[in-house]
Amino acid sequence: MEGGFFLIHHFDGVTPGDRRVKGVEYIGFDEDSGSLRSHLVDNHGSNFTYTHEIEGDELTSWFGDKGSSNFYTGQFSQNGNTITGCWQWPEGKGKTGGFEVTSTRISS
């Protein structure tokens, strides 16, 4: 973590539908909410806020606030270089949308 207070996450990937997405996410502890929060912006104009929780080797990320119905759950690999999981959200009429994600750390 930069200065011990926040983490900068640069990303470059392809989403379902072959959409190329590049961006940056700033992650840090939010004293007001007592939670790990992040702000993400990308090359398509997205500007999102997330709330995160890590327990053991599992990460849960909610779009917006904790408990949101749009969330990600993933598990870190044993060496901590990969996380594999799934985003999911309600699509109405009892249906659930989502997609699987595998992220791999690349050392610079």
C-alpha atoms as a PDB file:
ATOM      1  CA  MET A   1       0.000   0.000   0.000  1.00  0.00           C
ATOM      2  CA  GLU A   2       1.252   3.413  -0.979  1.00  0.00           C
ATOM      3  CA  GLY A   3       2.280   5.189   2.226  1.00  0.00           C
ATOM      4  CA  GLY A   4       0.501   2.470   4.179  1.00  0.00           C
ATOM      5  CA  PHE A   5      -2.921   4.106   3.655  1.00  0.00           C
ATOM      6  CA  PHE A   6      -4.256   3.056   0.258  1.00  0.00           C
ATOM      7  CA  LEU A   7      -3.770   0.697  -2.649  1.00  0.00           C
ATOM      8  CA  ILE A   8      -3.753   1.673  -6.327  1.00  0.00           C
ATOM      9  CA  HIS A   9      -5.139  -1.033  -8.618  1.00  0.00           C
ATOM     10  CA  HIS A  10      -4.527  -0.565 -12.363  1.00  0.00           C
ATOM     11  CA  PHE A  11      -6.473  -2.951 -14.578  1.00  0.00           C
ATOM     12  CA  ASP A  12      -6.677  -3.881 -18.239  1.00  0.00           C
ATOM     13  CA  GLY A  13      -9.080  -6.611 -19.253  1.00  0.00           C
ATOM     14  CA  VAL A  14     -11.862  -7.874 -21.459  1.00  0.00           C
ATOM     15  CA  THR A  15     -15.452  -8.211 -20.223  1.00  0.00           C
ATOM     16  CA  PRO A  16     -18.097 -10.618 -21.500  1.00  0.00           C
ATOM     17  CA  GLY A  17     -18.947  -9.468 -25.024  1.00  0.00           C
ATOM     18  CA  ASP A  18     -15.259  -8.709 -25.766  1.00  0.00           C
ATOM     19  CA  ARG A  19     -15.338  -5.143 -24.414  1.00  0.00           C
ATOM     20  CA  ARG A  20     -11.827  -3.902 -23.573  1.00  0.00           C
ATOM     21  CA  VAL A  21     -11.762  -2.070 -20.215  1.00  0.00           C
ATOM     22  CA  LYS A  22      -8.806  -0.169 -18.729  1.00  0.00           C
ATOM     23  CA  GLY A  23      -8.890   1.830 -15.551  1.00  0.00           C
ATOM     24  CA  VAL A  24      -7.737   2.516 -12.041  1.00  0.00           C
ATOM     25  CA  GLU A  25      -9.220   1.800  -8.627  1.00  0.00           C
ATOM     26  CA  TYR A  26      -8.197   3.505  -5.385  1.00  0.00           C
ATOM     27  CA  ILE A  27      -8.800   1.296  -2.341  1.00  0.00           C
ATOM     28  CA  GLY A  28      -8.568   2.354   1.295  1.00  0.00           C
ATOM     29  CA  PHE A  29     -10.165   2.212   4.724  1.00  0.00           C
ATOM     30  CA  ASP A  30     -13.128   4.551   5.155  1.00  0.00           C
ATOM     31  CA  GLU A  31     -13.261   5.716   8.777  1.00  0.00           C
ATOM     32  CA  ASP A  32     -16.820   7.062   8.473  1.00  0.00           C
ATOM     33  CA  SER A  33     -18.286   3.671   7.503  1.00  0.00           C
ATOM     34  CA  GLY A  34     -15.619   1.532   9.210  1.00  0.00           C
ATOM     35  CA  SER A  35     -15.148  -0.455   6.013  1.00  0.00           C
ATOM     36  CA  LEU A  36     -12.779  -1.026   3.114  1.00  0.00           C
ATOM     37  CA  ARG A  37     -14.031   1.138   0.224  1.00  0.00           C
ATOM     38  CA  SER A  38     -12.859   1.837  -3.312  1.00  0.00           C
ATOM     39  CA  HIS A  39     -13.490   4.238  -6.173  1.00  0.00           C
ATOM     40  CA  LEU A  40     -13.049   2.983  -9.737  1.00  0.00           C
ATOM     41  CA  VAL A  41     -12.908   4.882 -13.032  1.00  0.00           C
ATOM     42  CA  ASP A  42     -12.389   3.443 -16.504  1.00  0.00           C
ATOM     43  CA  ASN A  43     -11.906   4.319 -20.169  1.00  0.00           C
ATOM     44  CA  HIS A  44     -15.665   4.087 -20.824  1.00  0.00           C
ATOM     45  CA  GLY A  45     -16.534   6.831 -18.314  1.00  0.00           C
ATOM     46  CA  SER A  46     -17.593   4.548 -15.469  1.00  0.00           C
ATOM     47  CA  ASN A  47     -17.239   5.976 -11.967  1.00  0.00           C
ATOM     48  CA  PHE A  48     -18.136   3.360  -9.338  1.00  0.00           C
ATOM     49  CA  THR A  49     -17.871   2.959  -5.564  1.00  0.00           C
ATOM     50  CA  TYR A  50     -17.493  -0.451  -3.918  1.00  0.00           C
ATOM     51  CA  THR A  51     -17.398  -1.838  -0.372  1.00  0.00           C
ATOM     52  CA  HIS A  52     -15.103  -4.817   0.292  1.00  0.00           C
ATOM     53  CA  GLU A  53     -14.666  -7.439   2.997  1.00  0.00           C
ATOM     54  CA  ILE A  54     -11.918 -10.060   3.277  1.00  0.00           C
ATOM     55  CA  GLU A  55     -12.285 -13.119   5.489  1.00  0.00           C
ATOM     56  CA  GLY A  56      -9.496 -15.680   5.242  1.00  0.00           C
ATOM     57  CA  ASP A  57      -8.917 -16.294   1.536  1.00  0.00           C
ATOM     58  CA  GLU A  58     -12.363 -15.026   0.433  1.00  0.00           C
ATOM     59  CA  LEU A  59     -13.162 -11.552  -0.898  1.00  0.00           C
ATOM     60  CA  THR A  60     -16.671 -10.116  -1.113  1.00  0.00           C
ATOM     61  CA  SER A  61     -17.189  -6.843  -2.996  1.00  0.00           C
ATOM     62  CA  TRP A  62     -20.532  -5.055  -3.116  1.00  0.00           C
ATOM     63  CA  PHE A  63     -21.462  -2.446  -5.710  1.00  0.00           C
ATOM     64  CA  GLY A  64     -22.079   0.561  -3.485  1.00  0.00           C
ATOM     65  CA  ASP A  65     -22.775  -0.397   0.121  1.00  0.00           C
ATOM     66  CA  LYS A  66     -22.341  -3.705   1.947  1.00  0.00           C
ATOM     67  CA  GLY A  67     -25.355  -5.917   1.427  1.00  0.00           C
ATOM     68  CA  SER A  68     -26.085  -4.674  -2.097  1.00  0.00           C
ATOM     69  CA  SER A  69     -27.788  -7.237  -4.364  1.00  0.00           C
ATOM     70  CA  ASN A  70     -25.020  -6.594  -6.947  1.00  0.00           C
ATOM     71  CA  PHE A  71     -21.901  -8.302  -5.552  1.00  0.00           C
ATOM     72  CA  TYR A  72     -18.786 -10.350  -6.226  1.00  0.00           C
ATOM     73  CA  THR A  73     -17.426 -13.285  -4.244  1.00  0.00           C
ATOM     74  CA  GLY A  74     -14.008 -14.702  -4.999  1.00  0.00           C
ATOM     75  CA  GLN A  75     -11.299 -16.855  -3.537  1.00  0.00           C
ATOM     76  CA  PHE A  76      -7.583 -16.076  -3.541  1.00  0.00           C
ATOM     77  CA  SER A  77      -5.153 -18.723  -4.750  1.00  0.00           C
ATOM     78  CA  GLN A  78      -2.739 -20.198  -2.216  1.00  0.00           C
ATOM     79  CA  ASN A  79       0.112 -17.934  -3.438  1.00  0.00           C
ATOM     80  CA  GLY A  80      -2.179 -14.867  -3.474  1.00  0.00           C
ATOM     81  CA  ASN A  81      -1.492 -14.048  -7.140  1.00  0.00           C
ATOM     82  CA  THR A  82      -4.896 -15.053  -8.543  1.00  0.00           C
ATOM     83  CA  ILE A  83      -8.472 -14.541  -7.463  1.00  0.00           C
ATOM     84  CA  THR A  84     -11.345 -16.464  -9.038  1.00  0.00           C
ATOM     85  CA  GLY A  85     -15.007 -15.717  -8.460  1.00  0.00           C
ATOM     86  CA  CYS A  86     -18.289 -14.456  -9.831  1.00  0.00           C
ATOM     87  CA  TRP A  87     -20.246 -11.197 -10.039  1.00  0.00           C
ATOM     88  CA  GLN A  88     -23.993 -11.592  -9.683  1.00  0.00           C
ATOM     89  CA  TRP A  89     -27.040  -9.333  -9.585  1.00  0.00           C
ATOM     90  CA  PRO A  90     -30.829  -9.612  -9.831  1.00  0.00           C
ATOM     91  CA  GLU A  91     -32.267  -9.165 -13.321  1.00  0.00           C
ATOM     92  CA  GLY A  92     -35.938  -9.147 -12.354  1.00  0.00           C
ATOM     93  CA  LYS A  93     -38.645 -11.803 -12.509  1.00  0.00           C
ATOM     94  CA  GLY A  94     -36.582 -14.005 -10.174  1.00  0.00           C
ATOM     95  CA  LYS A  95     -33.632 -14.249 -12.571  1.00  0.00           C
ATOM     96  CA  THR A  96     -29.988 -13.692 -11.635  1.00  0.00           C
ATOM     97  CA  GLY A  97     -27.362 -12.246 -13.972  1.00  0.00           C
ATOM     98  CA  GLY A  98     -23.619 -12.331 -13.645  1.00  0.00           C
ATOM     99  CA  PHE A  99     -20.322 -13.549 -14.981  1.00  0.00           C
ATOM    100  CA  GLU A 100     -17.223 -15.387 -13.799  1.00  0.00           C
ATOM    101  CA  VAL A 101     -13.964 -13.484 -13.282  1.00  0.00           C
ATOM    102  CA  THR A 102     -10.351 -14.590 -12.921  1.00  0.00           C
ATOM    103  CA  SER A 103      -7.828 -11.877 -12.033  1.00  0.00           C
ATOM    104  CA  THR A 104      -4.069 -12.430 -11.993  1.00  0.00           C
ATOM    105  CA  ARG A 105      -1.456 -10.144 -10.448  1.00  0.00           C
ATOM    106  CA  ILE A 106       1.251  -9.049 -12.885  1.00  0.00           C
ATOM    107  CA  SER A 107       4.473  -7.771 -11.336  1.00  0.00           C
ATOM    108  CA  SER A 108       5.853  -4.625 -12.888  1.00  0.00           C
END
